[in-house]
N, C-alpha and C. Protein backbone atom coordinates (compact mmCIF):
# COMPACT_ATOMS: atom_id res chain seq x y z
N MET A 1 -110.65 -51.22 16.16
CA MET A 1 -109.82 -51.09 15.00
C MET A 1 -108.93 -52.34 14.86
N ARG A 2 -108.93 -52.90 13.68
CA ARG A 2 -108.09 -54.08 13.42
C ARG A 2 -106.66 -53.63 13.21
N LEU A 3 -105.75 -54.25 13.98
CA LEU A 3 -104.33 -53.89 13.85
C LEU A 3 -103.54 -54.91 13.06
N SER A 4 -104.03 -56.11 12.91
CA SER A 4 -103.30 -57.13 12.19
C SER A 4 -103.92 -57.41 10.85
N PRO A 5 -103.16 -57.32 9.79
CA PRO A 5 -103.71 -57.57 8.44
C PRO A 5 -104.08 -59.03 8.24
N ASP A 6 -104.94 -59.26 7.27
CA ASP A 6 -105.29 -60.65 6.92
C ASP A 6 -104.32 -61.07 5.80
N ASP A 7 -103.07 -61.33 6.20
CA ASP A 7 -102.06 -61.62 5.15
C ASP A 7 -101.40 -63.01 5.28
N GLY A 8 -101.98 -63.85 6.14
CA GLY A 8 -101.46 -65.20 6.30
C GLY A 8 -100.35 -65.38 7.29
N ASN A 9 -99.87 -64.23 7.89
CA ASN A 9 -98.86 -64.32 8.93
C ASN A 9 -99.55 -64.48 10.31
N SER A 10 -98.78 -64.86 11.30
CA SER A 10 -99.33 -64.96 12.65
C SER A 10 -99.10 -63.67 13.42
N TYR A 11 -100.05 -63.32 14.21
CA TYR A 11 -100.02 -62.14 15.09
C TYR A 11 -100.54 -62.63 16.43
N SER A 12 -99.73 -62.61 17.48
CA SER A 12 -100.19 -63.14 18.77
C SER A 12 -99.60 -62.36 19.94
N GLU A 13 -100.12 -62.69 21.11
CA GLU A 13 -99.61 -62.19 22.35
C GLU A 13 -99.61 -60.64 22.41
N PRO A 14 -100.70 -60.01 22.07
CA PRO A 14 -100.75 -58.50 22.10
C PRO A 14 -100.62 -57.96 23.50
N ALA A 15 -99.93 -56.86 23.65
CA ALA A 15 -99.83 -56.13 24.89
C ALA A 15 -100.11 -54.66 24.57
N ILE A 16 -101.02 -54.06 25.31
CA ILE A 16 -101.39 -52.65 25.07
C ILE A 16 -100.62 -51.77 26.02
N SER A 17 -100.08 -50.67 25.51
CA SER A 17 -99.30 -49.73 26.34
C SER A 17 -100.22 -49.12 27.41
N PRO A 18 -99.68 -48.70 28.52
CA PRO A 18 -100.55 -48.10 29.57
C PRO A 18 -101.38 -46.90 29.14
N ASP A 19 -100.90 -46.14 28.15
CA ASP A 19 -101.65 -44.97 27.68
C ASP A 19 -102.65 -45.38 26.54
N GLY A 20 -102.57 -46.65 26.10
CA GLY A 20 -103.50 -47.13 25.04
C GLY A 20 -103.09 -46.71 23.64
N GLY A 21 -101.90 -46.16 23.48
CA GLY A 21 -101.49 -45.66 22.18
C GLY A 21 -100.74 -46.65 21.34
N PHE A 22 -100.23 -47.74 21.91
CA PHE A 22 -99.43 -48.72 21.17
C PHE A 22 -99.82 -50.11 21.52
N VAL A 23 -99.57 -51.03 20.57
CA VAL A 23 -99.75 -52.44 20.81
C VAL A 23 -98.40 -53.11 20.42
N ALA A 24 -97.86 -53.91 21.35
CA ALA A 24 -96.72 -54.70 21.04
C ALA A 24 -97.21 -56.14 20.84
N TYR A 25 -96.66 -56.85 19.89
CA TYR A 25 -97.14 -58.19 19.60
C TYR A 25 -96.03 -58.99 18.95
N ILE A 26 -96.23 -60.28 18.92
CA ILE A 26 -95.32 -61.20 18.25
C ILE A 26 -95.88 -61.59 16.89
N SER A 27 -94.98 -61.54 15.87
CA SER A 27 -95.46 -61.91 14.53
C SER A 27 -94.33 -62.54 13.80
N ASP A 28 -94.69 -63.43 12.85
CA ASP A 28 -93.69 -64.07 11.98
C ASP A 28 -93.69 -63.41 10.60
N ARG A 29 -94.15 -62.18 10.53
CA ARG A 29 -94.19 -61.49 9.23
C ARG A 29 -92.84 -61.29 8.57
N SER A 30 -91.79 -61.35 9.36
CA SER A 30 -90.41 -61.20 8.77
C SER A 30 -89.72 -62.58 8.61
N GLY A 31 -90.47 -63.65 8.86
CA GLY A 31 -89.91 -64.99 8.69
C GLY A 31 -89.85 -65.77 9.97
N ASP A 32 -89.38 -65.15 11.07
CA ASP A 32 -89.35 -65.79 12.38
C ASP A 32 -90.19 -64.96 13.34
N ASP A 33 -90.58 -65.56 14.48
CA ASP A 33 -91.29 -64.81 15.47
C ASP A 33 -90.46 -63.68 16.03
N GLN A 34 -90.90 -62.47 15.90
CA GLN A 34 -90.19 -61.30 16.39
C GLN A 34 -91.17 -60.36 17.08
N LEU A 35 -90.60 -59.41 17.80
CA LEU A 35 -91.44 -58.41 18.53
C LEU A 35 -91.64 -57.18 17.62
N TRP A 36 -92.90 -56.80 17.52
CA TRP A 36 -93.30 -55.66 16.68
C TRP A 36 -94.09 -54.68 17.56
N LEU A 37 -94.02 -53.41 17.13
CA LEU A 37 -94.75 -52.36 17.81
C LEU A 37 -95.62 -51.61 16.80
N GLN A 38 -96.88 -51.40 17.11
CA GLN A 38 -97.85 -50.73 16.20
C GLN A 38 -98.52 -49.66 16.95
N GLN A 39 -98.55 -48.44 16.35
CA GLN A 39 -99.30 -47.34 16.95
C GLN A 39 -100.76 -47.59 16.66
N VAL A 40 -101.62 -47.43 17.65
CA VAL A 40 -103.04 -47.71 17.54
C VAL A 40 -103.71 -46.82 16.46
N GLY A 41 -103.32 -45.59 16.33
CA GLY A 41 -103.91 -44.67 15.36
C GLY A 41 -103.50 -44.93 13.93
N GLY A 42 -102.66 -45.91 13.68
CA GLY A 42 -102.27 -46.19 12.30
C GLY A 42 -100.74 -46.09 12.13
N GLY A 43 -100.37 -46.09 10.90
CA GLY A 43 -98.93 -46.01 10.59
C GLY A 43 -98.32 -47.42 10.41
N ASP A 44 -97.09 -47.47 9.99
CA ASP A 44 -96.41 -48.75 9.73
C ASP A 44 -95.94 -49.33 11.04
N PRO A 45 -96.03 -50.68 11.19
CA PRO A 45 -95.45 -51.33 12.37
C PRO A 45 -93.95 -51.31 12.32
N ILE A 46 -93.32 -51.33 13.51
CA ILE A 46 -91.86 -51.29 13.68
C ILE A 46 -91.44 -52.66 14.23
N GLN A 47 -90.49 -53.30 13.57
CA GLN A 47 -89.91 -54.51 14.09
C GLN A 47 -88.87 -54.12 15.14
N LEU A 48 -89.07 -54.56 16.40
CA LEU A 48 -88.20 -54.20 17.48
C LEU A 48 -87.08 -55.20 17.68
N THR A 49 -87.27 -56.46 17.36
CA THR A 49 -86.22 -57.46 17.56
C THR A 49 -85.85 -58.08 16.23
N HIS A 50 -84.59 -58.56 16.21
CA HIS A 50 -84.06 -59.33 15.07
C HIS A 50 -83.27 -60.48 15.70
N SER A 51 -83.95 -61.25 16.50
CA SER A 51 -83.33 -62.23 17.35
C SER A 51 -83.38 -63.64 16.74
N THR A 52 -82.33 -64.39 17.06
CA THR A 52 -82.37 -65.82 16.74
C THR A 52 -82.90 -66.62 17.92
N GLU A 53 -83.09 -65.96 19.05
CA GLU A 53 -83.61 -66.58 20.28
C GLU A 53 -85.14 -66.45 20.22
N SER A 54 -85.78 -67.21 21.06
CA SER A 54 -87.26 -67.16 21.19
C SER A 54 -87.70 -65.82 21.77
N VAL A 55 -88.70 -65.19 21.13
CA VAL A 55 -89.31 -63.96 21.59
C VAL A 55 -90.72 -64.25 21.93
N SER A 56 -91.16 -63.84 23.11
CA SER A 56 -92.54 -64.11 23.50
C SER A 56 -92.98 -63.21 24.65
N PHE A 57 -94.29 -63.20 24.86
CA PHE A 57 -94.95 -62.57 26.01
C PHE A 57 -94.49 -61.11 26.25
N PRO A 58 -94.64 -60.20 25.27
CA PRO A 58 -94.31 -58.79 25.55
C PRO A 58 -95.17 -58.21 26.62
N SER A 59 -94.60 -57.29 27.38
CA SER A 59 -95.32 -56.58 28.40
C SER A 59 -94.70 -55.22 28.57
N PHE A 60 -95.51 -54.17 28.62
CA PHE A 60 -95.02 -52.82 28.83
C PHE A 60 -94.71 -52.58 30.27
N PHE A 61 -93.65 -51.85 30.53
CA PHE A 61 -93.37 -51.34 31.86
C PHE A 61 -94.45 -50.34 32.21
N PRO A 62 -94.71 -50.11 33.53
CA PRO A 62 -95.80 -49.18 33.92
C PRO A 62 -95.65 -47.77 33.33
N ASP A 63 -94.45 -47.30 33.11
CA ASP A 63 -94.26 -45.99 32.52
C ASP A 63 -94.51 -45.98 31.02
N GLY A 64 -94.66 -47.16 30.38
CA GLY A 64 -94.90 -47.25 28.98
C GLY A 64 -93.74 -46.98 28.04
N ARG A 65 -92.55 -46.77 28.62
CA ARG A 65 -91.42 -46.40 27.83
C ARG A 65 -90.56 -47.57 27.40
N ARG A 66 -90.76 -48.75 28.01
CA ARG A 66 -89.94 -49.95 27.75
C ARG A 66 -90.87 -51.13 27.67
N ILE A 67 -90.35 -52.15 26.96
CA ILE A 67 -91.13 -53.40 26.80
C ILE A 67 -90.21 -54.52 27.21
N LEU A 68 -90.80 -55.39 28.06
CA LEU A 68 -90.12 -56.58 28.51
C LEU A 68 -90.65 -57.74 27.66
N TYR A 69 -89.80 -58.66 27.27
CA TYR A 69 -90.25 -59.84 26.52
C TYR A 69 -89.44 -61.04 26.91
């Protein structure tokens, strides 16, 4: 299933949750590189960060409840 739209924005550094239900990724769809979360089954993505600092390399904790970046 394609999770990133073909809309001209960047989508990179995907991390899949341990249960396979979510993908965290970095995207500039809001203007700057930010951390986003997308449910694999569909739905709207959620912007998790609104940072002025660099956001990169998301990784799920083993319990799948937190994301380190």
